[in-house]
Amino acid sequence: MRYDEFRSAYDGVQQACLEARLDVDGLAAEVTRLAVLRDQVELRSERQQASADLAALTDLLEMVRRTAPPPASPAYEQAFQEAFALTAEANAEDGSVTERINRAKRAINRIRKIAERVDDPRERFTLLKMTEPLTVLADGLEHSRS
């Protein structure tokens, strides 16, 4: 294999990174694939250049691994879907002002209970943040009555 063939594959991975088409596992798989291709580069000087290119991509992979948030727990995924549906329901514009205020307050209370089911503090916090716009909505509706 020639270096320009390796570099073409490398550039494709770089472009995929720039376009956010690779997750951490996808980037790791591409680094492994490029390592195999690097070993197939025939000329030693070109293989050294391919190694330098691959080292830069490996550094990027390690940085992404250190900074990427952990995947969400299944409990969070379920809780988020429930909280999202409650938020959509509470934001509906139908009904009287009193009904809308009560709907928003009910959603806030239910989201808080849903958040209690999630063990991870960051995930719980994210769910509880979903109540803030509903509090603003309820307060705004309260003030519109005066």
C-alpha atoms as a PDB file:
ATOM      1  CA  MET A   1       0.000   0.000   0.000  1.00  0.00           C
ATOM      2  CA  ARG A   2       1.161   3.532  -0.710  1.00  0.00           C
ATOM      3  CA  TYR A   3       1.003   6.361   1.811  1.00  0.00           C
ATOM      4  CA  ASP A   4      -1.479   8.334  -0.298  1.00  0.00           C
ATOM      5  CA  GLU A   5      -3.919   5.401  -0.035  1.00  0.00           C
ATOM      6  CA  PHE A   6      -3.513   5.377   3.749  1.00  0.00           C
ATOM      7  CA  ARG A   7      -3.866   9.156   3.815  1.00  0.00           C
ATOM      8  CA  SER A   8      -7.097   8.987   1.835  1.00  0.00           C
ATOM      9  CA  ALA A   9      -8.599   6.627   4.427  1.00  0.00           C
ATOM     10  CA  TYR A  10      -7.220   8.816   7.246  1.00  0.00           C
ATOM     11  CA  ASP A  11      -8.713  11.964   5.693  1.00  0.00           C
ATOM     12  CA  GLY A  12     -12.078  10.199   5.492  1.00  0.00           C
ATOM     13  CA  VAL A  13     -11.962   9.504   9.226  1.00  0.00           C
ATOM     14  CA  GLN A  14     -10.941  13.108   9.931  1.00  0.00           C
ATOM     15  CA  GLN A  15     -13.884  14.352   7.855  1.00  0.00           C
ATOM     16  CA  ALA A  16     -16.265  12.023   9.688  1.00  0.00           C
ATOM     17  CA  CYS A  17     -14.977  13.480  12.980  1.00  0.00           C
ATOM     18  CA  LEU A  18     -15.486  17.039  11.761  1.00  0.00           C
ATOM     19  CA  GLU A  19     -19.037  16.212  10.686  1.00  0.00           C
ATOM     20  CA  ALA A  20     -19.741  14.386  13.989  1.00  0.00           C
ATOM     21  CA  ARG A  21     -20.619  11.169  12.177  1.00  0.00           C
ATOM     22  CA  LEU A  22     -18.582   9.003  14.556  1.00  0.00           C
ATOM     23  CA  ASP A  23     -19.241   8.241  18.185  1.00  0.00           C
ATOM     24  CA  VAL A  24     -16.446   7.125  20.515  1.00  0.00           C
ATOM     25  CA  ASP A  25     -16.807   3.456  19.586  1.00  0.00           C
ATOM     26  CA  GLY A  26     -16.889   4.308  15.884  1.00  0.00           C
ATOM     27  CA  LEU A  27     -13.721   6.383  16.172  1.00  0.00           C
ATOM     28  CA  ALA A  28     -12.012   3.563  18.081  1.00  0.00           C
ATOM     29  CA  ALA A  29     -12.937   1.118  15.311  1.00  0.00           C
ATOM     30  CA  GLU A  30     -11.562   3.499  12.681  1.00  0.00           C
ATOM     31  CA  VAL A  31      -8.284   3.910  14.604  1.00  0.00           C
ATOM     32  CA  THR A  32      -7.952   0.113  14.691  1.00  0.00           C
ATOM     33  CA  ARG A  33      -8.692  -0.112  10.953  1.00  0.00           C
ATOM     34  CA  LEU A  34      -6.151   2.612  10.159  1.00  0.00           C
ATOM     35  CA  ALA A  35      -3.520   0.823  12.285  1.00  0.00           C
ATOM     36  CA  VAL A  36      -3.937  -2.236  10.074  1.00  0.00           C
ATOM     37  CA  LEU A  37      -3.635  -0.060   6.969  1.00  0.00           C
ATOM     38  CA  ARG A  38      -0.554   1.685   8.382  1.00  0.00           C
ATOM     39  CA  ASP A  39       1.157  -1.671   8.765  1.00  0.00           C
ATOM     40  CA  GLN A  40       0.520  -2.322   5.074  1.00  0.00           C
ATOM     41  CA  VAL A  41       2.295   0.837   3.888  1.00  0.00           C
ATOM     42  CA  GLU A  42       5.282  -0.457   1.939  1.00  0.00           C
ATOM     43  CA  LEU A  43       7.955   2.219   2.251  1.00  0.00           C
ATOM     44  CA  ARG A  44       9.400   2.634   5.723  1.00  0.00           C
ATOM     45  CA  SER A  45       9.521   6.448   5.513  1.00  0.00           C
ATOM     46  CA  GLU A  46       5.865   6.547   4.448  1.00  0.00           C
ATOM     47  CA  ARG A  47       4.935   4.071   7.197  1.00  0.00           C
ATOM     48  CA  GLN A  48       6.567   6.445   9.701  1.00  0.00           C
ATOM     49  CA  GLN A  49       4.457   9.316   8.347  1.00  0.00           C
ATOM     50  CA  ALA A  50       1.349   7.135   8.605  1.00  0.00           C
ATOM     51  CA  SER A  51       2.338   6.323  12.205  1.00  0.00           C
ATOM     52  CA  ALA A  52       2.578  10.046  12.999  1.00  0.00           C
ATOM     53  CA  ASP A  53      -0.849  10.646  11.453  1.00  0.00           C
ATOM     54  CA  LEU A  54      -2.306   7.731  13.400  1.00  0.00           C
ATOM     55  CA  ALA A  55      -0.733   8.984  16.644  1.00  0.00           C
ATOM     56  CA  ALA A  56      -2.586  12.293  16.234  1.00  0.00           C
ATOM     57  CA  LEU A  57      -5.858  10.454  15.722  1.00  0.00           C
ATOM     58  CA  THR A  58      -5.137   8.185  18.697  1.00  0.00           C
ATOM     59  CA  ASP A  59      -4.568  11.286  20.836  1.00  0.00           C
ATOM     60  CA  LEU A  60      -7.938  12.622  19.691  1.00  0.00           C
ATOM     61  CA  LEU A  61      -9.582   9.314  20.604  1.00  0.00           C
ATOM     62  CA  GLU A  62      -8.082   9.369  24.091  1.00  0.00           C
ATOM     63  CA  MET A  63      -9.207  12.969  24.625  1.00  0.00           C
ATOM     64  CA  VAL A  64     -12.746  12.095  23.536  1.00  0.00           C
ATOM     65  CA  ARG A  65     -12.790   9.080  25.843  1.00  0.00           C
ATOM     66  CA  ARG A  66     -11.770  11.265  28.795  1.00  0.00           C
ATOM     67  CA  THR A  67     -14.323  13.995  28.098  1.00  0.00           C
ATOM     68  CA  ALA A  68     -17.318  12.111  26.697  1.00  0.00           C
ATOM     69  CA  PRO A  69     -20.218  11.872  29.115  1.00  0.00           C
ATOM     70  CA  PRO A  70     -21.108   8.373  30.202  1.00  0.00           C
ATOM     71  CA  PRO A  71     -24.091   6.832  28.459  1.00  0.00           C
ATOM     72  CA  ALA A  72     -27.442   7.475  30.071  1.00  0.00           C
ATOM     73  CA  SER A  73     -28.860   4.762  32.276  1.00  0.00           C
ATOM     74  CA  PRO A  74     -31.974   2.866  31.142  1.00  0.00           C
ATOM     75  CA  ALA A  75     -33.823   4.321  34.157  1.00  0.00           C
ATOM     76  CA  TYR A  76     -32.968   7.818  32.969  1.00  0.00           C
ATOM     77  CA  GLU A  77     -34.049   7.106  29.398  1.00  0.00           C
ATOM     78  CA  GLN A  78     -37.459   5.944  30.622  1.00  0.00           C
ATOM     79  CA  ALA A  79     -37.775   8.819  33.101  1.00  0.00           C
ATOM     80  CA  PHE A  80     -36.828  11.367  30.448  1.00  0.00           C
ATOM     81  CA  GLN A  81     -39.522  10.107  28.084  1.00  0.00           C
ATOM     82  CA  GLU A  82     -42.128  10.373  30.835  1.00  0.00           C
ATOM     83  CA  ALA A  83     -40.966  13.845  31.886  1.00  0.00           C
ATOM     84  CA  PHE A  84     -40.881  15.018  28.277  1.00  0.00           C
ATOM     85  CA  ALA A  85     -44.479  13.872  27.729  1.00  0.00           C
ATOM     86  CA  LEU A  86     -45.563  15.645  30.930  1.00  0.00           C
ATOM     87  CA  THR A  87     -43.834  18.827  29.809  1.00  0.00           C
ATOM     88  CA  ALA A  88     -45.572  18.736  26.441  1.00  0.00           C
ATOM     89  CA  GLU A  89     -48.925  18.136  28.110  1.00  0.00           C
ATOM     90  CA  ALA A  90     -48.365  20.986  30.590  1.00  0.00           C
ATOM     91  CA  ASN A  91     -47.451  23.395  27.802  1.00  0.00           C
ATOM     92  CA  ALA A  92     -50.735  22.856  25.966  1.00  0.00           C
ATOM     93  CA  GLU A  93     -52.576  26.139  25.532  1.00  0.00           C
ATOM     94  CA  ASP A  94     -56.085  24.750  25.842  1.00  0.00           C
ATOM     95  CA  GLY A  95     -58.199  25.280  28.944  1.00  0.00           C
ATOM     96  CA  SER A  96     -58.688  28.156  31.320  1.00  0.00           C
ATOM     97  CA  VAL A  97     -55.802  29.916  33.020  1.00  0.00           C
ATOM     98  CA  THR A  98     -56.577  28.069  36.248  1.00  0.00           C
ATOM     99  CA  GLU A  99     -56.601  24.713  34.442  1.00  0.00           C
ATOM    100  CA  ARG A 100     -53.278  25.521  32.751  1.00  0.00           C
ATOM    101  CA  ILE A 101     -51.689  26.561  36.066  1.00  0.00           C
ATOM    102  CA  ASN A 102     -52.903  23.365  37.738  1.00  0.00           C
ATOM    103  CA  ARG A 103     -51.665  21.252  34.824  1.00  0.00           C
ATOM    104  CA  ALA A 104     -48.200  22.858  35.030  1.00  0.00           C
ATOM    105  CA  LYS A 105     -48.035  22.378  38.809  1.00  0.00           C
ATOM    106  CA  ARG A 106     -49.114  18.724  38.501  1.00  0.00           C
ATOM    107  CA  ALA A 107     -46.433  18.150  35.875  1.00  0.00           C
ATOM    108  CA  ILE A 108     -43.799  19.729  38.129  1.00  0.00           C
ATOM    109  CA  ASN A 109     -44.750  17.439  41.004  1.00  0.00           C
ATOM    110  CA  ARG A 110     -44.837  14.338  38.804  1.00  0.00           C
ATOM    111  CA  ILE A 111     -41.449  15.139  37.244  1.00  0.00           C
ATOM    112  CA  ARG A 112     -39.968  15.527  40.726  1.00  0.00           C
ATOM    113  CA  LYS A 113     -41.295  12.077  41.638  1.00  0.00           C
ATOM    114  CA  ILE A 114     -39.966  10.627  38.409  1.00  0.00           C
ATOM    115  CA  ALA A 115     -36.540  12.132  39.141  1.00  0.00           C
ATOM    116  CA  GLU A 116     -36.477  10.385  42.522  1.00  0.00           C
ATOM    117  CA  ARG A 117     -36.456   7.022  40.703  1.00  0.00           C
ATOM    118  CA  VAL A 118     -33.115   7.823  39.041  1.00  0.00           C
ATOM    119  CA  ASP A 119     -29.986   6.963  41.033  1.00  0.00           C
ATOM    120  CA  ASP A 120     -27.380   9.036  39.177  1.00  0.00           C
ATOM    121  CA  PRO A 121     -27.279  12.585  40.627  1.00  0.00           C
ATOM    122  CA  ARG A 122     -26.444  14.171  37.248  1.00  0.00           C
ATOM    123  CA  GLU A 123     -29.354  12.449  35.563  1.00  0.00           C
ATOM    124  CA  ARG A 124     -31.661  13.410  38.435  1.00  0.00           C
ATOM    125  CA  PHE A 125     -30.529  17.029  38.139  1.00  0.00           C
ATOM    126  CA  THR A 126     -31.196  17.020  34.387  1.00  0.00           C
ATOM    127  CA  LEU A 127     -34.727  15.787  34.997  1.00  0.00           C
ATOM    128  CA  LEU A 128     -35.342  18.354  37.719  1.00  0.00           C
ATOM    129  CA  LYS A 129     -34.161  21.111  35.363  1.00  0.00           C
ATOM    130  CA  MET A 130     -37.144  20.215  33.175  1.00  0.00           C
ATOM    131  CA  THR A 131     -39.400  21.711  35.856  1.00  0.00           C
ATOM    132  CA  GLU A 132     -37.910  25.205  35.545  1.00  0.00           C
ATOM    133  CA  PRO A 133     -39.776  26.239  32.362  1.00  0.00           C
ATOM    134  CA  LEU A 134     -42.980  24.852  33.875  1.00  0.00           C
ATOM    135  CA  THR A 135     -42.460  26.974  36.985  1.00  0.00           C
ATOM    136  CA  VAL A 136     -41.965  30.027  34.773  1.00  0.00           C
ATOM    137  CA  LEU A 137     -45.135  29.118  32.870  1.00  0.00           C
ATOM    138  CA  ALA A 138     -47.188  28.710  36.049  1.00  0.00           C
ATOM    139  CA  ASP A 139     -45.849  31.970  37.483  1.00  0.00           C
ATOM    140  CA  GLY A 140     -46.523  33.824  34.248  1.00  0.00           C
ATOM    141  CA  LEU A 141     -50.069  32.527  34.124  1.00  0.00           C
ATOM    142  CA  GLU A 142     -50.583  33.504  37.763  1.00  0.00           C
ATOM    143  CA  HIS A 143     -49.444  37.054  37.018  1.00  0.00           C
ATOM    144  CA  SER A 144     -51.662  37.263  33.945  1.00  0.00           C
ATOM    145  CA  ARG A 145     -54.697  36.845  36.170  1.00  0.00           C
ATOM    146  CA  SER A 146     -53.893  39.961  38.204  1.00  0.00           C
END
